[in-house]
N, C-alpha and C. Protein backbone atom coordinates (compact mmCIF):
# COMPACT_ATOMS: atom_id res chain seq x y z
N MET A 1 5.03 -7.15 -15.63
CA MET A 1 4.94 -5.82 -15.09
C MET A 1 6.13 -4.96 -15.55
N GLY A 2 7.31 -5.54 -15.66
CA GLY A 2 8.48 -4.80 -16.07
C GLY A 2 8.41 -4.34 -17.52
N ARG A 3 7.79 -5.16 -18.38
CA ARG A 3 7.71 -4.82 -19.80
C ARG A 3 6.87 -3.58 -20.03
N GLY A 4 5.79 -3.43 -19.31
CA GLY A 4 4.93 -2.25 -19.47
C GLY A 4 5.64 -0.97 -19.07
N ARG A 5 6.40 -1.04 -18.00
CA ARG A 5 7.15 0.13 -17.54
C ARG A 5 8.25 0.48 -18.55
N GLN A 6 8.89 -0.55 -19.09
CA GLN A 6 9.95 -0.33 -20.08
C GLN A 6 9.38 0.28 -21.36
N LYS A 7 8.24 -0.22 -21.81
CA LYS A 7 7.61 0.30 -23.02
C LYS A 7 7.19 1.76 -22.81
N ALA A 8 6.67 2.08 -21.65
CA ALA A 8 6.26 3.45 -21.36
C ALA A 8 7.47 4.39 -21.38
N LYS A 9 8.59 3.92 -20.85
CA LYS A 9 9.79 4.75 -20.85
C LYS A 9 10.29 4.98 -22.27
N HIS A 10 10.29 3.93 -23.10
CA HIS A 10 10.72 4.08 -24.50
C HIS A 10 9.78 5.03 -25.25
N THR A 11 8.50 4.93 -24.98
CA THR A 11 7.54 5.83 -25.62
C THR A 11 7.80 7.28 -25.22
N LYS A 12 8.09 7.49 -23.95
CA LYS A 12 8.37 8.84 -23.45
C LYS A 12 9.63 9.41 -24.11
N VAL A 13 10.68 8.60 -24.18
CA VAL A 13 11.93 9.04 -24.80
C VAL A 13 11.72 9.33 -26.27
N ALA A 14 10.98 8.46 -26.97
CA ALA A 14 10.73 8.67 -28.40
C ALA A 14 9.94 9.96 -28.62
N ARG A 15 8.97 10.22 -27.76
CA ARG A 15 8.17 11.44 -27.89
C ARG A 15 9.03 12.68 -27.65
N GLU A 16 9.92 12.61 -26.67
CA GLU A 16 10.81 13.75 -26.40
C GLU A 16 11.74 14.02 -27.58
N LEU A 17 12.26 12.94 -28.19
CA LEU A 17 13.14 13.12 -29.34
C LEU A 17 12.38 13.67 -30.55
N LYS A 18 11.15 13.22 -30.73
CA LYS A 18 10.35 13.65 -31.88
C LYS A 18 10.05 15.15 -31.83
N TYR A 19 9.71 15.64 -30.65
CA TYR A 19 9.28 17.03 -30.53
C TYR A 19 10.37 17.96 -30.02
N PHE A 20 11.59 17.48 -29.88
CA PHE A 20 12.69 18.30 -29.41
C PHE A 20 13.17 19.19 -30.54
N THR A 21 13.21 20.48 -30.33
CA THR A 21 13.67 21.42 -31.35
C THR A 21 14.81 22.25 -30.76
N PRO A 22 16.03 21.87 -31.01
CA PRO A 22 17.16 22.65 -30.48
C PRO A 22 17.31 23.97 -31.24
N ASP A 23 17.95 24.93 -30.60
CA ASP A 23 18.23 26.20 -31.24
C ASP A 23 19.25 25.98 -32.36
N THR A 24 19.01 26.58 -33.50
CA THR A 24 19.89 26.43 -34.65
C THR A 24 20.96 27.51 -34.63
N ASP A 25 22.21 27.07 -34.69
CA ASP A 25 23.33 28.01 -34.75
C ASP A 25 23.61 28.28 -36.22
N LEU A 26 23.08 29.38 -36.72
CA LEU A 26 23.19 29.68 -38.14
C LEU A 26 24.62 30.00 -38.57
N THR A 27 25.41 30.58 -37.69
CA THR A 27 26.79 30.88 -38.06
C THR A 27 27.59 29.58 -38.24
N GLN A 28 27.34 28.59 -37.38
CA GLN A 28 28.02 27.30 -37.52
C GLN A 28 27.57 26.61 -38.81
N LEU A 29 26.28 26.70 -39.13
CA LEU A 29 25.77 26.11 -40.36
C LEU A 29 26.42 26.77 -41.58
N GLU A 30 26.58 28.07 -41.53
CA GLU A 30 27.22 28.81 -42.62
C GLU A 30 28.67 28.34 -42.81
N ARG A 31 29.38 28.13 -41.69
CA ARG A 31 30.77 27.65 -41.77
C ARG A 31 30.83 26.25 -42.37
N GLU A 32 29.91 25.39 -41.97
CA GLU A 32 29.91 24.02 -42.50
C GLU A 32 29.62 24.00 -43.99
N LEU A 33 28.68 24.83 -44.43
CA LEU A 33 28.35 24.88 -45.85
C LEU A 33 29.50 25.47 -46.67
N ALA A 34 30.19 26.44 -46.11
CA ALA A 34 31.34 27.02 -46.81
C ALA A 34 32.46 25.99 -46.92
N ALA A 35 32.65 25.19 -45.88
CA ALA A 35 33.68 24.15 -45.92
C ALA A 35 33.31 23.05 -46.92
N ALA A 36 32.03 22.77 -47.06
CA ALA A 36 31.57 21.75 -48.01
C ALA A 36 31.83 22.20 -49.45
N ALA A 37 31.78 23.49 -49.70
CA ALA A 37 32.05 24.00 -51.04
C ALA A 37 33.51 23.75 -51.43
N HIS A 38 34.41 23.80 -50.46
CA HIS A 38 35.82 23.55 -50.73
C HIS A 38 36.15 22.07 -50.77
N ALA A 39 35.25 21.23 -50.32
CA ALA A 39 35.49 19.79 -50.28
C ALA A 39 35.50 19.19 -51.68
N ASP A 40 34.95 19.92 -52.68
CA ASP A 40 34.95 19.42 -54.06
C ASP A 40 36.36 19.36 -54.63
N GLU A 41 37.28 20.09 -54.05
CA GLU A 41 38.67 20.12 -54.51
C GLU A 41 39.45 19.00 -53.83
N TYR A 42 39.02 17.77 -54.04
CA TYR A 42 39.61 16.61 -53.37
C TYR A 42 40.91 16.21 -54.06
N GLU A 43 41.92 15.97 -53.28
CA GLU A 43 43.20 15.49 -53.80
C GLU A 43 43.53 14.19 -53.09
N ASP A 44 43.72 13.14 -53.86
CA ASP A 44 44.02 11.84 -53.30
C ASP A 44 45.51 11.78 -52.98
N LYS A 45 45.83 11.84 -51.69
CA LYS A 45 47.23 11.87 -51.30
C LYS A 45 47.88 10.49 -51.35
N TRP A 46 47.11 9.44 -51.61
CA TRP A 46 47.66 8.08 -51.69
C TRP A 46 47.68 7.57 -53.14
N ALA A 47 47.34 8.40 -54.10
CA ALA A 47 47.24 7.97 -55.49
C ALA A 47 48.58 7.48 -56.04
N HIS A 48 49.67 8.01 -55.57
CA HIS A 48 50.98 7.60 -56.08
C HIS A 48 51.32 6.16 -55.69
N LEU A 49 50.60 5.58 -54.75
CA LEU A 49 50.88 4.22 -54.32
C LEU A 49 50.15 3.17 -55.15
N VAL A 50 49.18 3.59 -55.96
CA VAL A 50 48.36 2.66 -56.73
C VAL A 50 48.64 2.86 -58.21
N ASP A 51 48.89 1.77 -58.90
CA ASP A 51 49.11 1.82 -60.34
C ASP A 51 47.81 1.46 -61.03
N ASP A 52 47.06 2.46 -61.49
CA ASP A 52 45.74 2.23 -62.07
C ASP A 52 45.81 1.53 -63.42
N GLU A 53 46.86 1.72 -64.18
CA GLU A 53 46.95 1.13 -65.51
C GLU A 53 46.96 -0.40 -65.46
N ASP A 54 47.66 -0.97 -64.51
CA ASP A 54 47.71 -2.43 -64.39
C ASP A 54 46.35 -3.00 -64.01
N ASP A 55 45.61 -2.31 -63.15
CA ASP A 55 44.30 -2.79 -62.73
C ASP A 55 43.34 -2.84 -63.91
N GLU A 56 43.37 -1.83 -64.77
CA GLU A 56 42.48 -1.80 -65.93
C GLU A 56 42.82 -2.93 -66.90
N ASP A 57 44.10 -3.20 -67.11
CA ASP A 57 44.50 -4.27 -68.01
C ASP A 57 44.05 -5.63 -67.50
N ASP A 58 44.16 -5.87 -66.21
CA ASP A 58 43.74 -7.14 -65.63
C ASP A 58 42.24 -7.35 -65.80
N ASP A 59 41.46 -6.29 -65.61
CA ASP A 59 40.02 -6.40 -65.75
C ASP A 59 39.64 -6.72 -67.19
N LEU A 60 40.32 -6.12 -68.15
CA LEU A 60 40.03 -6.40 -69.55
C LEU A 60 40.38 -7.84 -69.91
N ASP A 61 41.51 -8.34 -69.42
CA ASP A 61 41.91 -9.71 -69.72
C ASP A 61 40.90 -10.71 -69.18
N GLU A 62 40.40 -10.51 -67.98
CA GLU A 62 39.42 -11.40 -67.39
C GLU A 62 38.11 -11.36 -68.15
N ALA A 63 37.70 -10.19 -68.62
CA ALA A 63 36.45 -10.06 -69.36
C ALA A 63 36.55 -10.76 -70.71
N GLU A 64 37.71 -10.71 -71.36
CA GLU A 64 37.91 -11.36 -72.65
C GLU A 64 37.90 -12.87 -72.53
N GLN A 65 38.39 -13.40 -71.41
CA GLN A 65 38.51 -14.84 -71.25
C GLN A 65 37.18 -15.46 -70.84
N GLY A 66 36.26 -14.71 -70.30
CA GLY A 66 34.96 -15.23 -69.94
C GLY A 66 34.88 -15.65 -68.49
N PRO A 67 33.70 -16.09 -68.05
CA PRO A 67 33.51 -16.43 -66.64
C PRO A 67 34.26 -17.68 -66.21
N ALA A 68 34.58 -18.59 -67.09
CA ALA A 68 35.28 -19.83 -66.71
C ALA A 68 36.70 -19.50 -66.23
N ALA A 69 37.34 -18.52 -66.84
CA ALA A 69 38.70 -18.16 -66.46
C ALA A 69 38.73 -17.44 -65.12
N GLN A 70 37.65 -16.76 -64.78
CA GLN A 70 37.63 -16.03 -63.52
C GLN A 70 37.51 -16.96 -62.33
N THR A 71 36.90 -18.11 -62.50
CA THR A 71 36.74 -19.04 -61.38
C THR A 71 37.98 -19.87 -61.15
N ALA A 72 38.85 -19.97 -62.16
CA ALA A 72 40.04 -20.82 -62.04
C ALA A 72 41.07 -20.24 -61.13
């Protein structure tokens, strides 16, 4: 008996979520889209902590030695 009541409640909630249409705040949407346009100018503030050149050299050395060297 409890399962039927639970299923009915889930169905009711799902139906409410499916057909719920909130009012759209167009000014907020405009602000979010404008902020997304500036997000392309990403600056990695932690880049100075990572030495990329050493990582690339290690990857090349492992690739040259083959899969047997990578498992060792």
